[in-house]
Amino acid sequence: MTVAEQESGQEDAGGDGDMSGGEDGYVPSRRRLDRERYRRDRARRATGVAALSTLVTAVVLYLVVVNAPGWPRTRETFFSAEYAREAFPKVLEGLWLNVRLLLVCGVAVLVLGMLIAVARTLRGPVFFPLRALAAAYTDFFRGLPLIINLMIVVLGVPALRLQGVTVDPVLLGGTALTLTYSAYVAEVFRAGIESVHPSQRAAARSLGLTNRQALRHVVLPQAVRRQVPPLLNDLVSLQKDTGLVSIGGAIDAVRAADIIVGRSLNYTPYIVAGLVFVALTIPMTRFTDWVTARMDRQRAQGGTT
């Protein structure tokens, strides 16, 4: 056997071994070391090119903006450090309301969306009225703009003067958010339920499980696991749209900024509120990307069905 063949055999046998040697005495060949060195160099070059192109793009955008004729006035109106310092603590105080709405409405949306999805997937003619109502609900609230839904609920419900019905704009705004987003989440759940192969339900039934038990213990766990990424995306959107409850007078981050703008006629508080929402949204977005990539890797390796 030649030296080249021995090195090739070492690469094939030790491809998954420790590069620095180990208890099995594996020593990587020169060819493998060169290949790894080339990959590291290529990765460093790619990182350098990406960093340089990003820097150049940022500099060009900066020069275009600061050299615009209206930049001095825009900087004074939208990027005032004085009004930013004034608005920041009040916007943060209002943001706590947005976070609470996200937590409460998020749970309500998931529960209601799951119930609607299950109702739409029920089998048998006896459940037709329930399926029709669930389909009408999802069609209506998915087609109705959220801002109009909020106005109808927040402004219309108090006008009815119903006894025992709250007129709190926070509760009414949260109700409108739940109604709209539960329709979207219901379709996500329904897609997950219908993506489970019928053989799964048939296998569960052959083991003696009832239709209800098969749905609960076999179908729903698989459906929910498959739909985690789109569900997280809906929650990210819900987090941003909690700022719309301000149209009813609730003092959230957006309304807190609006109060300062109305008094000062300076729009910097809006920029502060927007950046606060972005700072809150980015971690959730990155977490969604991580979950999606992790599930894709597991699915590629046969870890999930």
Protein backbone atom coordinates (compact mmCIF):
# COMPACT_ATOMS: atom_id res chain seq x y z
CA MET A 1 0.00 0.00 0.00
CA THR A 2 1.40 3.40 -0.97
CA VAL A 3 1.75 6.36 1.41
CA ALA A 4 -1.02 8.23 -0.41
CA GLU A 5 -3.38 5.29 0.05
CA GLN A 6 -2.47 5.08 3.73
CA GLU A 7 -3.23 8.78 4.18
CA SER A 8 -6.50 8.40 2.33
CA GLY A 9 -7.41 5.45 4.56
CA GLN A 10 -6.58 7.50 7.63
CA GLU A 11 -8.90 10.28 6.42
CA ASP A 12 -11.76 7.86 5.78
CA ALA A 13 -11.33 6.05 9.07
CA GLY A 14 -10.74 9.12 11.20
CA GLY A 15 -13.09 11.65 9.62
CA ASP A 16 -15.05 12.01 12.85
CA GLY A 17 -12.11 11.58 15.19
CA ASP A 18 -10.31 14.10 17.37
CA MET A 19 -8.12 16.40 15.31
CA SER A 20 -5.49 16.57 18.03
CA GLY A 21 -5.27 12.84 18.57
CA GLY A 22 -6.97 10.80 21.24
CA GLU A 23 -7.13 7.45 22.94
CA ASP A 24 -7.49 5.67 19.57
CA GLY A 25 -4.17 7.13 18.44
CA TYR A 26 -5.65 8.79 15.36
CA VAL A 27 -3.33 11.28 13.65
CA PRO A 28 -4.84 13.41 10.87
CA SER A 29 -3.07 13.36 7.54
CA ARG A 30 -1.37 16.36 6.02
CA ARG A 31 -4.06 16.52 3.36
CA ARG A 32 -6.78 16.77 5.97
CA LEU A 33 -4.88 19.45 7.88
CA ASP A 34 -4.42 21.45 4.69
CA ARG A 35 -8.09 21.12 3.90
CA GLU A 36 -9.10 22.36 7.35
CA ARG A 37 -6.65 25.25 7.11
CA TYR A 38 -8.08 26.22 3.74
CA ARG A 39 -11.61 26.23 5.14
CA ARG A 40 -10.58 28.44 8.05
CA ASP A 41 -8.81 30.87 5.71
CA ARG A 42 -11.83 31.00 3.43
CA ALA A 43 -14.14 31.65 6.40
CA ARG A 44 -11.89 34.48 7.60
CA ARG A 45 -11.81 36.02 4.14
CA ALA A 46 -15.59 35.82 3.83
CA THR A 47 -16.00 37.46 7.24
CA GLY A 48 -13.61 40.23 6.29
CA VAL A 49 -15.35 40.90 2.98
CA ALA A 50 -18.76 40.97 4.70
CA ALA A 51 -17.50 43.39 7.37
CA LEU A 52 -15.90 45.67 4.78
CA SER A 53 -18.98 45.75 2.54
CA THR A 54 -21.20 46.47 5.55
CA LEU A 55 -18.94 49.32 6.64
CA VAL A 56 -18.88 50.82 3.15
CA THR A 57 -22.67 50.59 2.87
CA ALA A 58 -23.15 52.24 6.27
CA VAL A 59 -20.75 55.08 5.38
CA VAL A 60 -22.50 55.70 2.06
CA LEU A 61 -25.93 55.78 3.70
CA TYR A 62 -24.64 58.12 6.41
CA LEU A 63 -23.18 60.52 3.87
CA VAL A 64 -26.37 60.50 1.81
CA VAL A 65 -28.51 61.27 4.86
CA VAL A 66 -26.35 63.96 6.50
CA ASN A 67 -25.78 65.74 3.18
CA ALA A 68 -29.48 65.92 2.36
CA PRO A 69 -30.82 69.50 2.22
CA GLY A 70 -33.37 68.92 4.96
CA TRP A 71 -31.11 66.97 7.34
CA PRO A 72 -30.53 69.81 9.91
CA ARG A 73 -34.28 70.28 10.36
CA THR A 74 -34.90 66.52 10.39
CA ARG A 75 -32.21 65.97 13.01
CA GLU A 76 -33.74 68.65 15.22
CA THR A 77 -37.27 67.30 14.80
CA PHE A 78 -36.68 63.53 14.99
CA PHE A 79 -33.33 63.05 16.73
CA SER A 80 -33.25 65.55 19.57
CA ALA A 81 -31.18 64.28 22.49
CA GLU A 82 -33.09 66.52 24.91
CA TYR A 83 -36.51 65.10 24.05
CA ALA A 84 -35.08 61.58 23.85
CA ARG A 85 -33.92 61.82 27.46
CA GLU A 86 -37.32 63.15 28.48
CA ALA A 87 -39.27 60.47 26.62
CA PHE A 88 -37.21 57.39 27.43
CA PRO A 89 -38.35 56.78 31.05
CA LYS A 90 -41.99 57.46 30.21
CA VAL A 91 -41.88 55.20 27.17
CA LEU A 92 -40.34 52.43 29.27
CA GLU A 93 -43.09 52.86 31.85
CA GLY A 94 -45.72 52.54 29.13
CA LEU A 95 -43.90 49.55 27.63
CA TRP A 96 -44.76 47.52 30.73
CA LEU A 97 -48.40 47.65 29.60
CA ASN A 98 -47.40 46.31 26.17
CA VAL A 99 -45.49 43.44 27.78
CA ARG A 100 -48.44 42.51 29.97
CA LEU A 101 -50.76 42.60 26.98
CA LEU A 102 -48.37 40.34 25.09
CA LEU A 103 -48.28 37.77 27.89
CA VAL A 104 -52.03 37.71 28.55
CA CYS A 105 -53.18 37.97 24.95
CA GLY A 106 -50.54 35.47 23.82
CA VAL A 107 -51.92 32.78 26.12
CA ALA A 108 -55.52 33.61 25.18
CA VAL A 109 -54.68 33.54 21.47
CA LEU A 110 -53.02 30.13 21.71
CA VAL A 111 -55.91 28.60 23.64
CA LEU A 112 -58.67 30.10 21.49
CA GLY A 113 -56.77 29.37 18.28
CA MET A 114 -56.34 25.73 19.26
CA LEU A 115 -60.06 25.35 20.06
CA ILE A 116 -61.05 26.88 16.72
CA ALA A 117 -58.60 24.68 14.83
CA VAL A 118 -59.90 21.55 16.52
CA ALA A 119 -63.48 22.62 15.76
CA ARG A 120 -62.60 23.00 12.06
CA THR A 121 -61.07 19.52 11.91
CA LEU A 122 -63.88 17.64 13.63
CA ARG A 123 -65.28 14.84 11.51
CA GLY A 124 -68.83 13.78 10.92
CA PRO A 125 -71.97 15.57 9.67
CA VAL A 126 -73.14 16.27 13.21
CA PHE A 127 -70.27 18.72 13.66
CA PHE A 128 -70.99 20.66 10.46
CA PRO A 129 -72.51 23.70 12.24
CA LEU A 130 -69.44 23.91 14.49
CA ARG A 131 -67.09 23.63 11.52
CA ALA A 132 -69.05 26.30 9.65
CA LEU A 133 -68.94 28.70 12.59
CA ALA A 134 -65.21 28.16 13.04
CA ALA A 135 -64.58 28.74 9.32
CA ALA A 136 -66.73 31.90 9.36
CA TYR A 137 -64.83 33.19 12.39
CA THR A 138 -61.42 32.71 10.79
CA ASP A 139 -62.54 34.16 7.45
CA PHE A 140 -64.08 37.23 9.06
CA PHE A 141 -61.31 38.20 11.46
CA ARG A 142 -58.52 37.40 9.01
CA GLY A 143 -60.17 39.69 6.48
CA LEU A 144 -61.02 42.50 8.92
CA PRO A 145 -58.13 44.96 9.37
CA LEU A 146 -56.86 44.95 12.93
CA ILE A 147 -57.13 48.73 13.27
CA ILE A 148 -60.83 48.60 12.35
CA ASN A 149 -61.42 45.71 14.73
CA LEU A 150 -59.80 47.74 17.51
CA MET A 151 -61.95 50.78 16.77
CA ILE A 152 -65.13 48.72 16.69
CA VAL A 153 -64.40 46.96 19.99
CA VAL A 154 -62.75 49.85 21.88
CA LEU A 155 -65.19 52.54 20.73
CA GLY A 156 -68.30 50.53 19.91
CA VAL A 157 -68.68 48.35 23.00
CA PRO A 158 -68.77 51.29 25.48
CA ALA A 159 -71.40 52.97 23.28
CA LEU A 160 -73.76 50.04 23.89
CA ARG A 161 -73.80 50.81 27.65
CA LEU A 162 -74.21 47.16 28.53
CA GLN A 163 -74.47 46.36 32.22
CA GLY A 164 -71.48 44.47 33.60
CA VAL A 165 -69.39 44.96 30.43
CA THR A 166 -66.09 46.72 30.96
CA VAL A 167 -65.20 49.99 29.27
CA ASP A 168 -61.51 49.74 30.13
CA PRO A 169 -59.60 50.45 26.86
CA VAL A 170 -56.84 48.06 27.90
CA LEU A 171 -59.20 45.12 28.31
CA LEU A 172 -61.16 46.01 25.19
CA GLY A 173 -57.98 46.46 23.16
CA GLY A 174 -56.67 43.13 24.41
CA THR A 175 -59.96 41.52 23.40
CA ALA A 176 -59.67 42.91 19.88
CA LEU A 177 -56.09 41.67 19.58
CA THR A 178 -57.15 38.22 20.77
CA LEU A 179 -60.04 38.03 18.31
CA THR A 180 -57.85 38.90 15.34
CA TYR A 181 -54.76 36.89 16.16
CA SER A 182 -56.66 33.79 17.27
CA ALA A 183 -58.00 33.55 13.70
CA TYR A 184 -54.47 33.52 12.29
CA VAL A 185 -53.18 31.10 14.92
CA ALA A 186 -56.16 28.80 14.35
CA GLU A 187 -55.14 28.42 10.72
CA VAL A 188 -51.58 27.65 11.78
CA PHE A 189 -52.80 24.94 14.13
CA ARG A 190 -55.19 23.58 11.50
CA ALA A 191 -52.38 23.32 8.98
CA GLY A 192 -50.34 21.41 11.54
CA ILE A 193 -53.19 19.03 12.33
CA GLU A 194 -53.85 18.30 8.67
CA SER A 195 -50.13 17.75 8.02
CA VAL A 196 -50.12 14.71 10.32
CA HIS A 197 -50.48 11.61 8.16
CA PRO A 198 -53.81 9.77 8.58
CA SER A 199 -51.88 6.61 9.39
CA GLN A 200 -50.93 8.15 12.73
CA ARG A 201 -54.57 8.45 13.72
CA ALA A 202 -55.34 5.01 12.33
CA ALA A 203 -52.48 3.47 14.32
CA ALA A 204 -53.74 5.14 17.49
CA ARG A 205 -57.24 3.84 16.87
CA SER A 206 -55.92 0.32 16.26
CA LEU A 207 -54.27 0.46 19.70
CA GLY A 208 -57.64 1.08 21.31
CA LEU A 209 -57.59 4.87 21.63
CA THR A 210 -60.77 6.81 21.00
CA ASN A 211 -60.89 9.62 18.45
CA ARG A 212 -60.56 12.14 21.25
CA GLN A 213 -57.59 10.33 22.79
CA ALA A 214 -55.90 9.95 19.41
CA LEU A 215 -56.30 13.66 18.75
CA ARG A 216 -54.98 14.63 22.17
CA HIS A 217 -52.09 12.20 22.56
CA VAL A 218 -51.00 11.54 18.95
CA VAL A 219 -52.13 14.20 16.50
CA LEU A 220 -51.92 17.44 18.49
CA PRO A 221 -48.39 16.90 19.89
CA GLN A 222 -47.03 16.36 16.38
CA ALA A 223 -49.04 19.26 14.94
CA VAL A 224 -47.89 21.74 17.58
CA ARG A 225 -44.26 20.68 17.32
CA ARG A 226 -44.30 21.21 13.55
CA GLN A 227 -45.89 24.65 13.81
CA VAL A 228 -43.67 26.18 16.51
CA PRO A 229 -41.79 28.55 14.14
CA PRO A 230 -44.91 30.15 12.57
CA LEU A 231 -46.52 30.38 16.01
CA LEU A 232 -43.51 32.28 17.32
CA ASN A 233 -43.70 34.58 14.30
CA ASP A 234 -47.32 35.36 15.13
CA LEU A 235 -46.33 36.18 18.71
CA VAL A 236 -43.65 38.55 17.41
CA SER A 237 -46.30 40.32 15.33
CA LEU A 238 -48.63 40.42 18.33
CA GLN A 239 -45.91 42.06 20.41
CA LYS A 240 -45.64 44.90 17.90
CA ASP A 241 -49.39 45.33 17.47
CA THR A 242 -49.99 45.77 21.21
CA GLY A 243 -49.01 49.39 20.55
CA LEU A 244 -52.30 49.85 18.68
CA VAL A 245 -54.30 49.79 21.93
CA SER A 246 -53.24 53.41 22.31
CA ILE A 247 -56.06 54.44 19.96
CA GLY A 248 -58.48 53.86 22.83
CA GLY A 249 -56.52 56.04 25.25
CA ALA A 250 -54.50 53.34 27.02
CA ILE A 251 -51.17 54.74 28.19
CA ASP A 252 -48.71 52.34 26.62
CA ALA A 253 -45.32 53.10 25.09
CA VAL A 254 -46.84 54.60 21.94
CA ARG A 255 -49.36 56.73 23.83
CA ALA A 256 -46.68 57.96 26.23
CA ALA A 257 -44.62 59.12 23.27
CA ASP A 258 -47.70 60.67 21.65
CA ILE A 259 -48.40 62.78 24.74
CA ILE A 260 -44.91 64.28 24.67
CA VAL A 261 -45.15 64.88 20.90
CA GLY A 262 -48.48 66.66 21.31
CA ARG A 263 -46.98 68.97 23.89
CA SER A 264 -43.61 69.67 22.27
CA LEU A 265 -44.35 69.18 18.54
CA ASN A 266 -41.10 67.24 18.38
CA TYR A 267 -41.24 63.69 16.98
CA THR A 268 -38.20 62.28 18.75
CA PRO A 269 -40.38 60.37 21.29
CA TYR A 270 -41.80 58.33 18.39
CA ILE A 271 -38.26 57.32 17.41
CA VAL A 272 -37.56 56.36 21.03
CA ALA A 273 -40.74 54.25 21.20
CA GLY A 274 -39.90 52.59 17.90
CA LEU A 275 -36.39 51.70 19.01
CA VAL A 276 -37.71 50.28 22.27
CA PHE A 277 -40.11 48.01 20.36
CA VAL A 278 -37.30 46.96 18.04
CA ALA A 279 -35.07 46.13 21.02
CA LEU A 280 -37.88 44.00 22.45
CA THR A 281 -38.65 42.29 19.14
CA ILE A 282 -35.13 41.36 18.01
CA PRO A 283 -34.49 38.74 20.75
CA MET A 284 -37.83 37.08 19.98
CA THR A 285 -37.02 37.10 16.26
CA ARG A 286 -33.57 35.58 16.79
CA PHE A 287 -35.09 32.95 19.10
CA THR A 288 -37.61 32.10 16.37
CA ASP A 289 -34.79 31.72 13.84
CA TRP A 290 -32.86 29.48 16.23
CA VAL A 291 -35.88 27.26 16.87
CA THR A 292 -36.58 27.02 13.14
CA ALA A 293 -32.97 26.09 12.31
CA ARG A 294 -32.85 23.55 15.15
CA MET A 295 -36.06 21.86 14.01
CA ASP A 296 -34.84 21.79 10.42
CA ARG A 297 -31.64 20.03 11.52
CA GLN A 298 -33.60 17.53 13.59
CA ARG A 299 -35.97 16.85 10.72
CA ALA A 300 -33.05 16.33 8.34
CA GLN A 301 -31.53 13.85 10.77
CA GLY A 302 -34.84 12.06 11.33
CA GLY A 303 -35.27 13.45 14.84
CA THR A 304 -38.79 14.76 14.28
CA THR A 305 -41.68 13.59 12.13
